[in-house]
């Protein structure tokens, strides 16, 4: 059986939602941040970075949320979570998933952890503010690309959608959260209405504000 290691409202949320969309049996192991369970020797043997998520699929161990999402989409093609390989739609699927993890999520890490980049409260506040400004630019672009489509890539739900939802959730306490943008607002409501998303929130013990 598949095992996903994660923490509530972290980068494990996107693969968690995907597993519930697929409907395959899996175990969700929520690590305790307060006890630094992600730094324990047993976990570090799975993921030497000491971060979440980590997926164990038989003898295969994967970390990095986007990699896990791609693996799940490829392993369960009947779920229809990615366009057909070799198509232009598949190429755009790769492009946007990589944009989300390499560009948007990278700025998120700067926003939430400015102390990793500079010392001093004043400098950290400046770095955080600059990261938030960049994130608003990123989500404004995503809002424009989404337009009036039902899902980010078009009429068909894909693995890009829970990834975007996860990152948009992280903006909920920013000055301009993603939910305030004209297209992302209704889109996030559609995401929250999906049974897999609601089940993931319940399993992780998360309540309002959902995004």
Protein backbone atom coordinates (compact mmCIF):
# COMPACT_ATOMS: atom_id res chain seq x y z
CA UNK A 1 0.00 0.00 0.00
CA UNK A 2 1.13 3.54 -0.72
CA UNK A 3 2.25 5.64 2.23
CA UNK A 4 2.41 9.42 2.15
CA UNK A 5 4.29 11.25 4.88
CA UNK A 6 3.34 14.87 5.42
CA UNK A 7 2.17 17.61 7.75
CA UNK A 8 -1.09 19.56 7.70
CA UNK A 9 -1.22 22.45 5.22
CA UNK A 10 2.26 21.86 3.82
CA UNK A 11 3.63 20.73 0.47
CA UNK A 12 2.16 17.29 1.12
CA UNK A 13 -1.35 18.66 0.47
CA UNK A 14 -1.23 18.39 -3.34
CA UNK A 15 -0.23 14.70 -3.44
CA UNK A 16 -2.65 14.01 -0.58
CA UNK A 17 -5.52 15.42 -2.64
CA UNK A 18 -4.38 13.50 -5.72
CA UNK A 19 -4.34 10.20 -3.85
CA UNK A 20 -7.94 10.83 -2.82
CA UNK A 21 -8.89 11.82 -6.37
CA UNK A 22 -7.39 8.56 -7.65
CA UNK A 23 -9.18 6.53 -5.00
CA UNK A 24 -6.34 4.08 -4.42
CA UNK A 25 -5.85 2.74 -0.86
CA UNK A 26 -3.09 4.63 0.95
CA UNK A 27 -1.88 5.50 4.42
CA UNK A 28 -1.46 9.13 5.37
CA UNK A 29 1.17 9.60 8.07
CA UNK A 30 1.00 13.09 9.59
CA UNK A 31 4.32 13.93 11.21
CA UNK A 32 4.39 16.02 14.37
CA UNK A 33 6.27 19.25 13.73
CA UNK A 34 6.34 20.05 17.46
CA UNK A 35 8.49 16.99 18.15
CA UNK A 36 10.53 17.45 14.95
CA UNK A 37 9.38 14.05 13.68
CA UNK A 38 10.61 15.05 10.21
CA UNK A 39 14.16 15.15 11.62
CA UNK A 40 13.98 11.74 13.33
CA UNK A 41 16.47 9.09 12.12
CA UNK A 42 13.76 6.77 10.76
CA UNK A 43 12.30 9.54 8.63
CA UNK A 44 15.69 10.82 7.48
CA UNK A 45 16.39 7.36 6.09
CA UNK A 46 13.46 7.95 3.75
CA UNK A 47 14.06 11.62 3.07
CA UNK A 48 17.55 12.89 3.95
CA UNK A 49 16.34 16.47 3.49
CA UNK A 50 14.13 16.16 6.56
CA UNK A 51 11.21 17.76 4.76
CA UNK A 52 7.75 16.73 3.61
CA UNK A 53 6.29 15.13 1.63
CA UNK A 54 7.69 11.66 1.09
CA UNK A 55 5.87 8.90 -0.78
CA UNK A 56 6.66 5.22 -0.30
CA UNK A 57 5.36 3.11 -3.18
CA UNK A 58 6.61 -0.42 -2.62
CA UNK A 59 10.40 -0.27 -2.95
CA UNK A 60 10.22 3.20 -4.47
CA UNK A 61 10.75 6.21 -2.20
CA UNK A 62 10.11 9.69 -3.59
CA UNK A 63 10.37 13.17 -2.16
CA UNK A 64 9.54 16.56 -3.72
CA UNK A 65 5.84 17.26 -4.05
CA UNK A 66 5.82 17.89 -7.81
CA UNK A 67 7.74 14.67 -8.48
CA UNK A 68 5.22 12.72 -6.41
CA UNK A 69 2.34 14.33 -8.30
CA UNK A 70 3.90 13.39 -11.64
CA UNK A 71 4.51 9.83 -10.46
CA UNK A 72 0.89 9.47 -9.32
CA UNK A 73 -0.46 10.87 -12.58
CA UNK A 74 1.68 8.46 -14.59
CA UNK A 75 1.03 5.46 -12.35
CA UNK A 76 -2.75 5.80 -12.52
CA UNK A 77 -3.53 6.97 -16.08
CA UNK A 78 -7.17 5.92 -15.77
CA UNK A 79 -7.65 8.78 -13.29
CA UNK A 80 -6.98 11.24 -16.12
CA UNK A 81 -4.79 13.56 -14.05
CA UNK A 82 -2.47 14.49 -16.92
CA UNK A 83 -2.85 14.94 -20.68
CA UNK A 84 -1.54 12.24 -22.99
CA UNK A 85 2.28 12.07 -23.32
CA UNK A 86 3.71 13.61 -26.46
CA UNK A 87 0.91 16.15 -26.88
CA UNK A 88 1.07 19.92 -26.68
CA UNK A 89 -1.32 19.71 -23.75
CA UNK A 90 1.14 17.46 -21.90
CA UNK A 91 3.94 19.95 -22.57
CA UNK A 92 1.86 22.76 -21.06
CA UNK A 93 1.04 20.50 -18.11
CA UNK A 94 4.78 20.13 -17.44
CA UNK A 95 5.39 23.84 -17.92
CA UNK A 96 2.77 25.00 -15.43
CA UNK A 97 3.57 22.39 -12.80
CA UNK A 98 7.25 23.35 -12.97
CA UNK A 99 6.32 27.04 -12.84
CA UNK A 100 4.31 26.41 -9.69
CA UNK A 101 7.05 24.50 -7.92
CA UNK A 102 10.16 26.31 -9.21
CA UNK A 103 8.88 29.89 -9.33
CA UNK A 104 5.80 30.35 -7.15
CA UNK A 105 6.75 27.89 -4.41
CA UNK A 106 10.31 29.20 -4.38
CA UNK A 107 9.00 32.71 -3.64
CA UNK A 108 6.73 31.22 -0.97
CA UNK A 109 9.77 29.82 0.83
CA UNK A 110 11.38 33.27 0.81
CA UNK A 111 8.17 34.82 2.15
CA UNK A 112 7.72 32.33 4.98
CA UNK A 113 11.40 31.92 5.88
CA UNK A 114 13.17 35.28 5.30
CA UNK A 115 15.58 34.43 8.14
CA UNK A 116 17.15 31.85 5.85
CA UNK A 117 18.30 34.64 3.54
CA UNK A 118 19.21 37.65 5.67
CA UNK A 119 19.87 38.51 9.30
CA UNK A 120 18.09 41.20 11.32
CA UNK A 121 14.42 41.98 11.73
CA UNK A 122 14.44 45.00 9.40
CA UNK A 123 16.16 43.16 6.57
CA UNK A 124 13.90 40.14 7.01
CA UNK A 125 10.79 42.32 6.86
CA UNK A 126 12.06 43.85 3.61
CA UNK A 127 12.78 40.45 2.07
CA UNK A 128 9.33 39.22 3.11
CA UNK A 129 7.63 42.27 1.59
CA UNK A 130 9.51 41.87 -1.69
CA UNK A 131 8.58 38.20 -1.84
CA UNK A 132 4.93 39.04 -1.24
CA UNK A 133 5.01 41.59 -4.07
CA UNK A 134 6.49 38.98 -6.42
CA UNK A 135 3.85 36.46 -5.35
CA UNK A 136 1.07 38.89 -6.19
CA UNK A 137 2.61 39.23 -9.66
CA UNK A 138 2.73 35.43 -10.00
CA UNK A 139 -0.88 34.93 -8.93
CA UNK A 140 -2.07 37.80 -11.12
CA UNK A 141 -0.47 35.99 -14.06
CA UNK A 142 -2.07 32.69 -13.03
CA UNK A 143 -5.44 34.45 -12.68
CA UNK A 144 -5.11 35.84 -16.20
CA UNK A 145 -4.10 32.49 -17.69
CA UNK A 146 -6.95 30.72 -15.88
CA UNK A 147 -9.51 33.13 -17.28
CA UNK A 148 -12.99 31.62 -17.37
CA UNK A 149 -11.82 28.01 -17.72
CA UNK A 150 -13.27 25.46 -15.31
CA UNK A 151 -9.81 24.09 -14.46
CA UNK A 152 -6.39 25.52 -15.00
CA UNK A 153 -5.60 23.55 -18.17
CA UNK A 154 -9.12 23.75 -19.54
CA UNK A 155 -12.23 21.63 -19.13
CA UNK A 156 -10.34 18.70 -17.63
CA UNK A 157 -9.12 18.57 -14.05
CA UNK A 158 -5.42 17.71 -13.75
CA UNK A 159 -2.62 17.37 -11.21
CA UNK A 160 -1.88 21.07 -11.76
CA UNK A 161 -5.11 22.00 -9.99
CA UNK A 162 -4.41 20.68 -6.47
CA UNK A 163 -0.90 22.08 -6.71
CA UNK A 164 -2.21 25.54 -7.55
CA UNK A 165 -4.87 25.23 -4.85
CA UNK A 166 -2.23 24.31 -2.26
CA UNK A 167 -0.09 27.35 -3.08
CA UNK A 168 -3.09 29.67 -3.29
CA UNK A 169 -4.11 28.51 0.20
CA UNK A 170 -0.76 29.72 1.51
CA UNK A 171 -1.66 33.29 0.47
CA UNK A 172 -4.78 33.40 2.66
CA UNK A 173 -3.26 35.79 5.22
CA UNK A 174 -1.36 37.97 2.76
CA UNK A 175 -2.40 41.50 1.90
CA UNK A 176 -3.99 40.35 -1.37
CA UNK A 177 -4.83 36.67 -1.07
CA UNK A 178 -5.43 34.66 -4.23
CA UNK A 179 -9.13 34.34 -3.42
CA UNK A 180 -9.58 38.06 -4.12
CA UNK A 181 -8.50 37.76 -7.74
CA UNK A 182 -11.45 37.66 -10.16
CA UNK A 183 -10.86 34.25 -11.72
CA UNK A 184 -8.97 32.48 -8.97
CA UNK A 185 -11.67 33.26 -6.40
CA UNK A 186 -14.43 31.20 -8.08
CA UNK A 187 -11.86 28.58 -9.11
CA UNK A 188 -10.74 28.03 -5.51
CA UNK A 189 -14.39 27.64 -4.49
CA UNK A 190 -14.79 24.95 -7.17
CA UNK A 191 -11.69 23.21 -5.86
CA UNK A 192 -12.98 23.23 -2.29
CA UNK A 193 -16.26 21.69 -3.48
CA UNK A 194 -14.48 18.56 -4.72
CA UNK A 195 -14.97 15.60 -2.35
CA UNK A 196 -11.27 14.70 -2.46
CA UNK A 197 -10.28 18.19 -1.33
CA UNK A 198 -12.83 18.20 1.49
CA UNK A 199 -11.68 14.75 2.60
CA UNK A 200 -8.03 15.86 2.62
CA UNK A 201 -8.87 18.91 4.75
CA UNK A 202 -10.81 16.75 7.19
CA UNK A 203 -8.00 14.19 7.43
CA UNK A 204 -5.46 16.97 8.08
CA UNK A 205 -7.70 18.60 10.67
CA UNK A 206 -7.92 21.91 8.78
CA UNK A 207 -10.77 24.37 9.12
CA UNK A 208 -11.84 27.77 7.86
CA UNK A 209 -10.28 29.82 6.33
CA UNK A 210 -9.72 27.06 3.81
CA UNK A 211 -8.08 29.43 1.34
